[in-house]
Amino acid sequence: MPVKIMVADDATFVRDMIKRTLRTMVQGVELLEAPDGARARVIIKQKQPDLILSDWEMPELSGEELLKWLREESPTPKTPFIMITSRGDREHVMAAVQAGVNDYISKPFTPEELIRKVAKQLKKLNISLKPGGDPDKKAQDSLSLLTGGGAAKPKEKPKAKPAVANPFASPQAVSAEPKPVAKKAKGGNFEGRAVLRLAGKAPLECVVREASLQALGVFLVRPDQIPCVFDQAVIDLADKNEQLIATINAYIHSVQAVEPNPASRGIKVVVRFVDNDPAKMEALSLHL
């Protein structure tokens, strides 16, 4: 029988990326998907997947509520559950661990990170992977790290993930750009700041130039690694008092040099939102 894996996330872009990666890992995998927790619950009842990957912040029924139902009321309470979240702070992850998750992935993430976490759970179920789909056998267990367990020490240090509990408390200096101030924006005025986060890269503090409920246009000092079009991204938005407004899933829509020469130190990046969470959009609309 084919392996059945459930992918629940309100962002189509994220679901598609996960499905593409999973197809490279498992022969004949049956992929189930849902845009919210309520539909995921229905599908889980009907199909009883072998593994569940779920966003933590979804409309209708959150990932936490879905997990609680799975562990307490579903016919398959022991199904492995991997949390996908844009919040990687220790307190948030520890709360999820206590709720019963088997592992977690912080957005934005790379296909390699996804493969490593999924492979670990599939091996516990004695499900074989395609050739090349087996990650390093000595990869460190992230949950053991957080809970103080004795995981094997990896050969190389893992890249540190940026803290996102309050990304605006100690902002990274941006030497060539003025501090963000209220700017006339397409679709409204936005008074505040933004931090752009990309998988495997340092957080980038941005100056907001254009803002709407669909996209954000920002200026930033050219980093060593320039964002690429279609890269998965997460945007942290804060108001002028540095209070977090929302953390929004997005992708890089366009990248443009500010000056008409290859030595331009500034770049303009447009990110388009793929988040369908009404609460986040409502919070953002109050600041436009």
C-alpha atoms as a PDB file:
ATOM      1  CA  MET A   1       0.000   0.000   0.000  1.00  0.00           C
ATOM      2  CA  PRO A   2       1.257   3.511  -0.763  1.00  0.00           C
ATOM      3  CA  VAL A   3       2.427   5.743   2.054  1.00  0.00           C
ATOM      4  CA  LYS A   4      -0.158   8.432   2.844  1.00  0.00           C
ATOM      5  CA  ILE A   5       1.093  11.849   3.975  1.00  0.00           C
ATOM      6  CA  MET A   6      -1.199  14.721   4.947  1.00  0.00           C
ATOM      7  CA  VAL A   7      -0.091  18.319   4.225  1.00  0.00           C
ATOM      8  CA  ALA A   8      -2.205  21.041   5.850  1.00  0.00           C
ATOM      9  CA  ASP A   9      -1.326  24.692   5.247  1.00  0.00           C
ATOM     10  CA  ASP A  10      -3.401  27.701   4.208  1.00  0.00           C
ATOM     11  CA  ALA A  11      -0.655  28.810   1.780  1.00  0.00           C
ATOM     12  CA  THR A  12      -0.886  26.987  -1.571  1.00  0.00           C
ATOM     13  CA  PHE A  13       2.718  27.952  -2.320  1.00  0.00           C
ATOM     14  CA  VAL A  14       3.962  26.147   0.797  1.00  0.00           C
ATOM     15  CA  ARG A  15       1.835  23.041   0.165  1.00  0.00           C
ATOM     16  CA  ASP A  16       3.152  22.771  -3.387  1.00  0.00           C
ATOM     17  CA  MET A  17       6.766  23.068  -2.241  1.00  0.00           C
ATOM     18  CA  ILE A  18       6.264  20.348   0.374  1.00  0.00           C
ATOM     19  CA  LYS A  19       4.535  18.009  -2.075  1.00  0.00           C
ATOM     20  CA  ARG A  20       7.300  18.386  -4.665  1.00  0.00           C
ATOM     21  CA  THR A  21       9.904  17.512  -2.063  1.00  0.00           C
ATOM     22  CA  LEU A  22       7.988  14.521  -0.710  1.00  0.00           C
ATOM     23  CA  ARG A  23       7.645  13.038  -4.190  1.00  0.00           C
ATOM     24  CA  THR A  24      11.451  12.909  -4.422  1.00  0.00           C
ATOM     25  CA  MET A  25      11.640  10.976  -1.137  1.00  0.00           C
ATOM     26  CA  VAL A  26       9.030   8.237  -1.186  1.00  0.00           C
ATOM     27  CA  GLN A  27       8.120   5.902  -4.036  1.00  0.00           C
ATOM     28  CA  GLY A  28       4.394   5.975  -4.834  1.00  0.00           C
ATOM     29  CA  VAL A  29       3.533   8.370  -2.003  1.00  0.00           C
ATOM     30  CA  GLU A  30      -0.144   9.377  -1.757  1.00  0.00           C
ATOM     31  CA  LEU A  31      -0.287  13.076  -0.885  1.00  0.00           C
ATOM     32  CA  LEU A  32      -3.341  14.468   0.878  1.00  0.00           C
ATOM     33  CA  GLU A  33      -3.744  18.226   1.311  1.00  0.00           C
ATOM     34  CA  ALA A  34      -5.989  20.736   3.011  1.00  0.00           C
ATOM     35  CA  PRO A  35      -6.010  24.571   3.221  1.00  0.00           C
ATOM     36  CA  ASP A  36      -7.170  24.628   6.855  1.00  0.00           C
ATOM     37  CA  GLY A  37      -7.446  22.449   9.937  1.00  0.00           C
ATOM     38  CA  ALA A  38     -11.166  21.761   9.575  1.00  0.00           C
ATOM     39  CA  ARG A  39     -10.771  20.177   6.131  1.00  0.00           C
ATOM     40  CA  ALA A  40      -7.654  18.355   7.284  1.00  0.00           C
ATOM     41  CA  ARG A  41      -9.653  16.779  10.091  1.00  0.00           C
ATOM     42  CA  VAL A  42     -12.243  15.455   7.635  1.00  0.00           C
ATOM     43  CA  ILE A  43      -9.568  13.974   5.366  1.00  0.00           C
ATOM     44  CA  ILE A  44      -7.704  12.403   8.294  1.00  0.00           C
ATOM     45  CA  LYS A  45     -10.917  10.649   9.383  1.00  0.00           C
ATOM     46  CA  GLN A  46     -11.456   9.292   5.886  1.00  0.00           C
ATOM     47  CA  LYS A  47      -7.915   8.446   4.787  1.00  0.00           C
ATOM     48  CA  GLN A  48      -6.006   7.878   8.053  1.00  0.00           C
ATOM     49  CA  PRO A  49      -2.592   9.125   6.816  1.00  0.00           C
ATOM     50  CA  ASP A  50       0.718   7.652   8.033  1.00  0.00           C
ATOM     51  CA  LEU A  51       2.222  11.106   8.694  1.00  0.00           C
ATOM     52  CA  ILE A  52       0.816  14.627   9.124  1.00  0.00           C
ATOM     53  CA  LEU A  53       2.589  17.900   8.366  1.00  0.00           C
ATOM     54  CA  SER A  54       0.529  20.850   9.536  1.00  0.00           C
ATOM     55  CA  ASP A  55       0.860  24.601   9.740  1.00  0.00           C
ATOM     56  CA  TRP A  56       0.313  25.847  13.292  1.00  0.00           C
ATOM     57  CA  GLU A  57      -1.586  29.018  12.370  1.00  0.00           C
ATOM     58  CA  MET A  58      -4.518  28.229  10.062  1.00  0.00           C
ATOM     59  CA  PRO A  59      -8.078  29.536   9.675  1.00  0.00           C
ATOM     60  CA  GLU A  60     -11.149  27.533  10.715  1.00  0.00           C
ATOM     61  CA  LEU A  61      -9.167  25.134  12.905  1.00  0.00           C
ATOM     62  CA  SER A  62      -5.593  25.825  14.014  1.00  0.00           C
ATOM     63  CA  GLY A  63      -2.784  23.290  13.927  1.00  0.00           C
ATOM     64  CA  GLU A  64      -2.856  23.131  17.713  1.00  0.00           C
ATOM     65  CA  GLU A  65      -6.595  22.361  17.702  1.00  0.00           C
ATOM     66  CA  LEU A  66      -6.097  19.770  14.958  1.00  0.00           C
ATOM     67  CA  LEU A  67      -3.357  18.078  16.987  1.00  0.00           C
ATOM     68  CA  LYS A  68      -5.513  18.057  20.128  1.00  0.00           C
ATOM     69  CA  TRP A  69      -8.338  16.396  18.206  1.00  0.00           C
ATOM     70  CA  LEU A  70      -5.900  13.872  16.674  1.00  0.00           C
ATOM     71  CA  ARG A  71      -4.445  12.831  20.025  1.00  0.00           C
ATOM     72  CA  GLU A  72      -7.732  12.741  21.972  1.00  0.00           C
ATOM     73  CA  GLU A  73     -10.566  11.894  19.565  1.00  0.00           C
ATOM     74  CA  SER A  74      -9.299  10.524  16.259  1.00  0.00           C
ATOM     75  CA  PRO A  75      -9.158   6.798  15.382  1.00  0.00           C
ATOM     76  CA  THR A  76      -5.361   7.091  14.911  1.00  0.00           C
ATOM     77  CA  PRO A  77      -4.078   9.089  17.907  1.00  0.00           C
ATOM     78  CA  LYS A  78      -0.449   7.980  17.536  1.00  0.00           C
ATOM     79  CA  THR A  79       0.028   9.281  13.980  1.00  0.00           C
ATOM     80  CA  PRO A  80       3.315  11.253  13.756  1.00  0.00           C
ATOM     81  CA  PHE A  81       2.645  14.996  13.579  1.00  0.00           C
ATOM     82  CA  ILE A  82       5.195  17.568  12.346  1.00  0.00           C
ATOM     83  CA  MET A  83       4.401  21.190  13.143  1.00  0.00           C
ATOM     84  CA  ILE A  84       5.200  23.838  10.518  1.00  0.00           C
ATOM     85  CA  THR A  85       5.434  27.305  12.025  1.00  0.00           C
ATOM     86  CA  SER A  86       6.660  30.810  11.284  1.00  0.00           C
ATOM     87  CA  ARG A  87       7.349  31.247  14.998  1.00  0.00           C
ATOM     88  CA  GLY A  88      10.584  29.588  16.039  1.00  0.00           C
ATOM     89  CA  ASP A  89      10.977  30.946  19.568  1.00  0.00           C
ATOM     90  CA  ARG A  90      11.699  28.373  22.269  1.00  0.00           C
ATOM     91  CA  GLU A  91       8.530  29.047  24.277  1.00  0.00           C
ATOM     92  CA  HIS A  92       6.277  28.505  21.263  1.00  0.00           C
ATOM     93  CA  VAL A  93       8.022  25.294  20.247  1.00  0.00           C
ATOM     94  CA  MET A  94       8.029  23.939  23.806  1.00  0.00           C
ATOM     95  CA  ALA A  95       4.260  24.537  24.036  1.00  0.00           C
ATOM     96  CA  ALA A  96       3.835  22.543  20.809  1.00  0.00           C
ATOM     97  CA  VAL A  97       6.029  19.728  22.155  1.00  0.00           C
ATOM     98  CA  GLN A  98       3.879  19.540  25.266  1.00  0.00           C
ATOM     99  CA  ALA A  99       0.781  19.396  23.040  1.00  0.00           C
ATOM    100  CA  GLY A 100       2.175  16.260  21.402  1.00  0.00           C
ATOM    101  CA  VAL A 101       4.063  17.172  18.212  1.00  0.00           C
ATOM    102  CA  ASN A 102       6.762  14.746  17.089  1.00  0.00           C
ATOM    103  CA  ASP A 103       8.931  17.424  15.475  1.00  0.00           C
ATOM    104  CA  TYR A 104       8.766  20.927  14.048  1.00  0.00           C
ATOM    105  CA  ILE A 105       9.952  22.934  11.030  1.00  0.00           C
ATOM    106  CA  SER A 106      10.381  26.713  11.152  1.00  0.00           C
ATOM    107  CA  LYS A 107       9.369  28.811   8.145  1.00  0.00           C
ATOM    108  CA  PRO A 108      11.059  29.615   5.883  1.00  0.00           C
ATOM    109  CA  PHE A 109      12.712  26.230   5.436  1.00  0.00           C
ATOM    110  CA  THR A 110      14.787  24.493   2.778  1.00  0.00           C
ATOM    111  CA  PRO A 111      13.929  21.192   1.043  1.00  0.00           C
ATOM    112  CA  GLU A 112      16.910  19.646   2.857  1.00  0.00           C
ATOM    113  CA  GLU A 113      15.456  20.571   6.251  1.00  0.00           C
ATOM    114  CA  LEU A 114      12.086  19.141   5.257  1.00  0.00           C
ATOM    115  CA  ILE A 115      13.654  15.903   3.993  1.00  0.00           C
ATOM    116  CA  ARG A 116      15.611  15.448   7.225  1.00  0.00           C
ATOM    117  CA  LYS A 117      12.577  15.882   9.483  1.00  0.00           C
ATOM    118  CA  VAL A 118      10.213  13.761   7.395  1.00  0.00           C
ATOM    119  CA  ALA A 119      12.761  10.971   6.867  1.00  0.00           C
ATOM    120  CA  LYS A 120      13.239  10.666  10.627  1.00  0.00           C
ATOM    121  CA  GLN A 121       9.529   9.990  11.158  1.00  0.00           C
ATOM    122  CA  LEU A 122       9.226   7.638   8.171  1.00  0.00           C
ATOM    123  CA  LYS A 123      12.146   5.546   9.424  1.00  0.00           C
ATOM    124  CA  LYS A 124      10.341   5.057  12.728  1.00  0.00           C
ATOM    125  CA  LEU A 125       7.445   3.637  10.697  1.00  0.00           C
ATOM    126  CA  ASN A 126       9.851   1.359   8.759  1.00  0.00           C
ATOM    127  CA  ILE A 127       9.020   3.159   5.525  1.00  0.00           C
ATOM    128  CA  SER A 128      11.885   3.016   3.034  1.00  0.00           C
ATOM    129  CA  LEU A 129      12.977   6.062   1.060  1.00  0.00           C
ATOM    130  CA  LYS A 130      13.986   6.498  -2.542  1.00  0.00           C
ATOM    131  CA  PRO A 131      17.751   6.373  -3.250  1.00  0.00           C
ATOM    132  CA  GLY A 132      19.116   9.811  -2.409  1.00  0.00           C
ATOM    133  CA  GLY A 133      16.183  10.586  -0.113  1.00  0.00           C
ATOM    134  CA  ASP A 134      18.029   9.436   3.014  1.00  0.00           C
ATOM    135  CA  PRO A 135      19.572  12.400   4.894  1.00  0.00           C
ATOM    136  CA  ASP A 136      22.627  12.208   7.148  1.00  0.00           C
ATOM    137  CA  LYS A 137      21.946   9.433   9.690  1.00  0.00           C
ATOM    138  CA  LYS A 138      23.684  11.454  12.379  1.00  0.00           C
ATOM    139  CA  ALA A 139      21.500  14.549  11.977  1.00  0.00           C
ATOM    140  CA  GLN A 140      20.696  16.022  15.373  1.00  0.00           C
ATOM    141  CA  ASP A 141      17.172  15.709  16.769  1.00  0.00           C
ATOM    142  CA  SER A 142      15.774  19.221  17.173  1.00  0.00           C
ATOM    143  CA  LEU A 143      13.257  18.217  19.806  1.00  0.00           C
ATOM    144  CA  SER A 144      15.981  16.629  21.946  1.00  0.00           C
ATOM    145  CA  LEU A 145      17.941  19.869  21.733  1.00  0.00           C
ATOM    146  CA  LEU A 146      15.006  21.883  22.988  1.00  0.00           C
ATOM    147  CA  THR A 147      14.078  19.525  25.800  1.00  0.00           C
ATOM    148  CA  GLY A 148      17.644  18.847  26.943  1.00  0.00           C
ATOM    149  CA  GLY A 149      17.790  15.262  25.626  1.00  0.00           C
ATOM    150  CA  GLY A 150      21.020  13.511  24.792  1.00  0.00           C
ATOM    151  CA  ALA A 151      21.018  13.655  21.011  1.00  0.00           C
ATOM    152  CA  ALA A 152      24.167  12.639  19.171  1.00  0.00           C
ATOM    153  CA  LYS A 153      26.472  15.532  18.413  1.00  0.00           C
ATOM    154  CA  PRO A 154      26.530  16.346  14.674  1.00  0.00           C
ATOM    155  CA  LYS A 155      29.766  16.683  12.746  1.00  0.00           C
ATOM    156  CA  GLU A 156      28.974  20.248  11.784  1.00  0.00           C
ATOM    157  CA  LYS A 157      27.267  22.982  13.680  1.00  0.00           C
ATOM    158  CA  PRO A 158      23.722  23.590  12.416  1.00  0.00           C
ATOM    159  CA  LYS A 159      23.046  27.060  11.150  1.00  0.00           C
ATOM    160  CA  ALA A 160      21.525  29.196  13.843  1.00  0.00           C
ATOM    161  CA  LYS A 161      17.907  30.087  13.180  1.00  0.00           C
ATOM    162  CA  PRO A 162      16.949  33.718  13.744  1.00  0.00           C
ATOM    163  CA  ALA A 163      14.842  34.367  16.828  1.00  0.00           C
ATOM    164  CA  VAL A 164      11.420  35.632  15.846  1.00  0.00           C
ATOM    165  CA  ALA A 165       9.626  36.081  19.151  1.00  0.00           C
ATOM    166  CA  ASN A 166      10.359  39.820  18.938  1.00  0.00           C
ATOM    167  CA  PRO A 167      12.483  40.492  15.843  1.00  0.00           C
ATOM    168  CA  PHE A 168      12.311  44.230  16.422  1.00  0.00           C
ATOM    169  CA  ALA A 169      13.711  44.317  19.951  1.00  0.00           C
ATOM    170  CA  SER A 170      17.349  44.515  18.788  1.00  0.00           C
ATOM    171  CA  PRO A 171      17.249  45.318  15.080  1.00  0.00           C
ATOM    172  CA  GLN A 172      20.212  44.703  12.833  1.00  0.00           C
ATOM    173  CA  ALA A 173      21.921  47.942  11.858  1.00  0.00           C
ATOM    174  CA  VAL A 174      21.282  49.203   8.336  1.00  0.00           C
ATOM    175  CA  SER A 175      24.026  51.687   7.739  1.00  0.00           C
ATOM    176  CA  ALA A 176      23.114  53.034   4.337  1.00  0.00           C
ATOM    177  CA  GLU A 177      19.380  53.499   4.863  1.00  0.00           C
ATOM    178  CA  PRO A 178      17.495  56.012   7.013  1.00  0.00           C
ATOM    179  CA  LYS A 179      15.254  54.758   9.803  1.00  0.00           C
ATOM    180  CA  PRO A 180      11.815  53.792   8.497  1.00  0.00           C
ATOM    181  CA  VAL A 181       9.222  56.511   8.709  1.00  0.00           C
ATOM    182  CA  ALA A 182       5.676  56.850   7.487  1.00  0.00           C
ATOM    183  CA  LYS A 183       5.639  56.565   3.702  1.00  0.00           C
ATOM    184  CA  LYS A 184       2.968  56.994   1.106  1.00  0.00           C
ATOM    185  CA  ALA A 185       2.185  53.475  -0.038  1.00  0.00           C
ATOM    186  CA  LYS A 186       0.158  51.913  -2.773  1.00  0.00           C
ATOM    187  CA  GLY A 187      -3.013  50.773  -1.063  1.00  0.00           C
ATOM    188  CA  GLY A 188      -2.401  52.818   2.068  1.00  0.00           C
ATOM    189  CA  ASN A 189       0.079  54.382   4.477  1.00  0.00           C
ATOM    190  CA  PHE A 190       2.252  52.110   6.559  1.00  0.00           C
ATOM    191  CA  GLU A 191       4.063  53.415   9.613  1.00  0.00           C
ATOM    192  CA  GLY A 192       6.462  50.817  10.862  1.00  0.00           C
ATOM    193  CA  ARG A 193       9.199  48.395   9.998  1.00  0.00           C
ATOM    194  CA  ALA A 194       9.672  45.032   8.367  1.00  0.00           C
ATOM    195  CA  VAL A 195      12.134  42.167   8.747  1.00  0.00           C
ATOM    196  CA  LEU A 196      12.522  39.810   5.791  1.00  0.00           C
ATOM    197  CA  ARG A 197      13.514  36.227   6.621  1.00  0.00           C
ATOM    198  CA  LEU A 198      14.734  33.698   4.061  1.00  0.00           C
ATOM    199  CA  ALA A 199      15.750  30.081   4.644  1.00  0.00           C
ATOM    200  CA  GLY A 200      19.369  29.716   5.712  1.00  0.00           C
ATOM    201  CA  LYS A 201      20.077  33.464   5.601  1.00  0.00           C
ATOM    202  CA  ALA A 202      20.398  36.204   8.197  1.00  0.00           C
ATOM    203  CA  PRO A 203      17.273  38.343   8.811  1.00  0.00           C
ATOM    204  CA  LEU A 204      17.162  41.503   6.678  1.00  0.00           C
ATOM    205  CA  GLU A 205      15.788  44.728   8.134  1.00  0.00           C
ATOM    206  CA  CYS A 206      13.867  46.658   5.486  1.00  0.00           C
ATOM    207  CA  VAL A 207      12.474  50.108   4.835  1.00  0.00           C
ATOM    208  CA  VAL A 208       8.834  49.811   3.731  1.00  0.00           C
ATOM    209  CA  ARG A 209       7.980  51.816   0.616  1.00  0.00           C
ATOM    210  CA  GLU A 210       4.737  50.235  -0.595  1.00  0.00           C
ATOM    211  CA  ALA A 211       2.190  48.191   1.300  1.00  0.00           C
ATOM    212  CA  SER A 212      -1.136  46.522   0.605  1.00  0.00           C
ATOM    213  CA  LEU A 213      -3.017  43.427   1.728  1.00  0.00           C
ATOM    214  CA  GLN A 214      -1.502  41.492  -1.181  1.00  0.00           C
ATOM    215  CA  ALA A 215       2.134  42.571  -1.263  1.00  0.00           C
ATOM    216  CA  LEU A 216       4.903  44.631   0.253  1.00  0.00           C
ATOM    217  CA  GLY A 217       7.602  46.692  -1.457  1.00  0.00           C
ATOM    218  CA  VAL A 218      10.750  47.233   0.605  1.00  0.00           C
ATOM    219  CA  PHE A 219      14.218  48.751   0.219  1.00  0.00           C
ATOM    220  CA  LEU A 220      17.266  47.219   1.872  1.00  0.00           C
ATOM    221  CA  VAL A 221      21.032  47.385   1.756  1.00  0.00           C
ATOM    222  CA  ARG A 222      22.351  44.819  -0.683  1.00  0.00           C
ATOM    223  CA  PRO A 223      23.229  41.671   1.322  1.00  0.00           C
ATOM    224  CA  ASP A 224      25.973  39.163   0.503  1.00  0.00           C
ATOM    225  CA  GLN A 225      23.315  36.734  -0.672  1.00  0.00           C
ATOM    226  CA  ILE A 226      20.708  38.528  -2.761  1.00  0.00           C
ATOM    227  CA  PRO A 227      17.153  37.130  -2.498  1.00  0.00           C
ATOM    228  CA  CYS A 228      16.021  35.138  -5.527  1.00  0.00           C
ATOM    229  CA  VAL A 229      12.656  35.377  -7.261  1.00  0.00           C
ATOM    230  CA  PHE A 230      10.215  32.698  -6.011  1.00  0.00           C
ATOM    231  CA  ASP A 231      12.192  32.090  -2.801  1.00  0.00           C
ATOM    232  CA  GLN A 232       9.951  31.247   0.129  1.00  0.00           C
ATOM    233  CA  ALA A 233       9.982  34.082   2.679  1.00  0.00           C
ATOM    234  CA  VAL A 234       8.486  35.230   5.953  1.00  0.00           C
ATOM    235  CA  ILE A 235       7.833  38.907   6.720  1.00  0.00           C
ATOM    236  CA  ASP A 236       7.678  40.222  10.287  1.00  0.00           C
ATOM    237  CA  LEU A 237       5.814  43.544  10.427  1.00  0.00           C
ATOM    238  CA  ALA A 238       5.910  45.888  13.400  1.00  0.00           C
ATOM    239  CA  ASP A 239       4.204  49.220  14.032  1.00  0.00           C
ATOM    240  CA  LYS A 240       5.971  52.512  14.777  1.00  0.00           C
ATOM    241  CA  ASN A 241       6.068  51.546  18.478  1.00  0.00           C
ATOM    242  CA  GLU A 242       7.909  48.318  17.545  1.00  0.00           C
ATOM    243  CA  GLN A 243       4.964  46.100  18.484  1.00  0.00           C
ATOM    244  CA  LEU A 244       4.621  43.041  16.288  1.00  0.00           C
ATOM    245  CA  ILE A 245       1.620  43.344  13.931  1.00  0.00           C
ATOM    246  CA  ALA A 246       1.834  40.039  12.077  1.00  0.00           C
ATOM    247  CA  THR A 247       4.179  37.381  10.748  1.00  0.00           C
ATOM    248  CA  ILE A 248       3.152  36.706   7.160  1.00  0.00           C
ATOM    249  CA  ASN A 249       4.145  33.886   4.793  1.00  0.00           C
ATOM    250  CA  ALA A 250       5.207  35.167   1.387  1.00  0.00           C
ATOM    251  CA  TYR A 251       7.465  34.644  -1.618  1.00  0.00           C
ATOM    252  CA  ILE A 252       9.909  36.900  -3.469  1.00  0.00           C
ATOM    253  CA  HIS A 253       8.046  38.368  -6.434  1.00  0.00           C
ATOM    254  CA  SER A 254      10.742  40.683  -7.820  1.00  0.00           C
ATOM    255  CA  VAL A 255      14.220  42.021  -7.059  1.00  0.00           C
ATOM    256  CA  GLN A 256      15.503  45.269  -8.571  1.00  0.00           C
ATOM    257  CA  ALA A 257      18.644  47.403  -8.188  1.00  0.00           C
ATOM    258  CA  VAL A 258      17.928  50.868  -6.831  1.00  0.00           C
ATOM    259  CA  GLU A 259      20.652  52.439  -9.000  1.00  0.00           C
ATOM    260  CA  PRO A 260      21.153  51.739 -12.730  1.00  0.00           C
ATOM    261  CA  ASN A 261      24.522  50.008 -12.329  1.00  0.00           C
ATOM    262  CA  PRO A 262      25.857  46.638 -11.100  1.00  0.00           C
ATOM    263  CA  ALA A 263      27.506  48.280  -8.074  1.00  0.00           C
ATOM    264  CA  SER A 264      24.187  49.471  -6.620  1.00  0.00           C
ATOM    265  CA  ARG A 265      24.255  49.094  -2.831  1.00  0.00           C
ATOM    266  CA  GLY A 266      20.504  49.251  -2.472  1.00  0.00           C
ATOM    267  CA  ILE A 267      17.891  46.844  -3.792  1.00  0.00           C
ATOM    268  CA  LYS A 268      14.126  46.948  -3.940  1.00  0.00           C
ATOM    269  CA  VAL A 269      12.316  43.701  -3.170  1.00  0.00           C
ATOM    270  CA  VAL A 270       8.624  43.027  -3.700  1.00  0.00           C
ATOM    271  CA  VAL A 271       7.163  40.168  -1.701  1.00  0.00           C
ATOM    272  CA  ARG A 272       3.702  38.808  -2.368  1.00  0.00           C
ATOM    273  CA  PHE A 273       1.719  37.269   0.459  1.00  0.00           C
ATOM    274  CA  VAL A 274       0.580  33.651   0.334  1.00  0.00           C
ATOM    275  CA  ASP A 275      -0.998  33.749   3.806  1.00  0.00           C
ATOM    276  CA  ASN A 276      -4.779  33.345   3.862  1.00  0.00           C
ATOM    277  CA  ASP A 277      -5.180  33.995   7.577  1.00  0.00           C
ATOM    278  CA  PRO A 278      -7.975  36.607   7.931  1.00  0.00           C
ATOM    279  CA  ALA A 279      -6.722  37.652  11.380  1.00  0.00           C
ATOM    280  CA  LYS A 280      -3.311  38.612   9.988  1.00  0.00           C
ATOM    281  CA  MET A 281      -4.838  40.549   7.118  1.00  0.00           C
ATOM    282  CA  GLU A 282      -7.181  42.362   9.478  1.00  0.00           C
ATOM    283  CA  ALA A 283      -4.270  43.301  11.749  1.00  0.00           C
ATOM    284  CA  LEU A 284      -2.316  44.607   8.758  1.00  0.00           C
ATOM    285  CA  SER A 285      -5.298  46.560   7.385  1.00  0.00           C
ATOM    286  CA  LEU A 286      -5.466  48.582  10.598  1.00  0.00           C
ATOM    287  CA  HIS A 287      -2.035  50.018   9.788  1.00  0.00           C
ATOM    288  CA  LEU A 288      -2.561  50.886   6.095  1.00  0.00           C
END
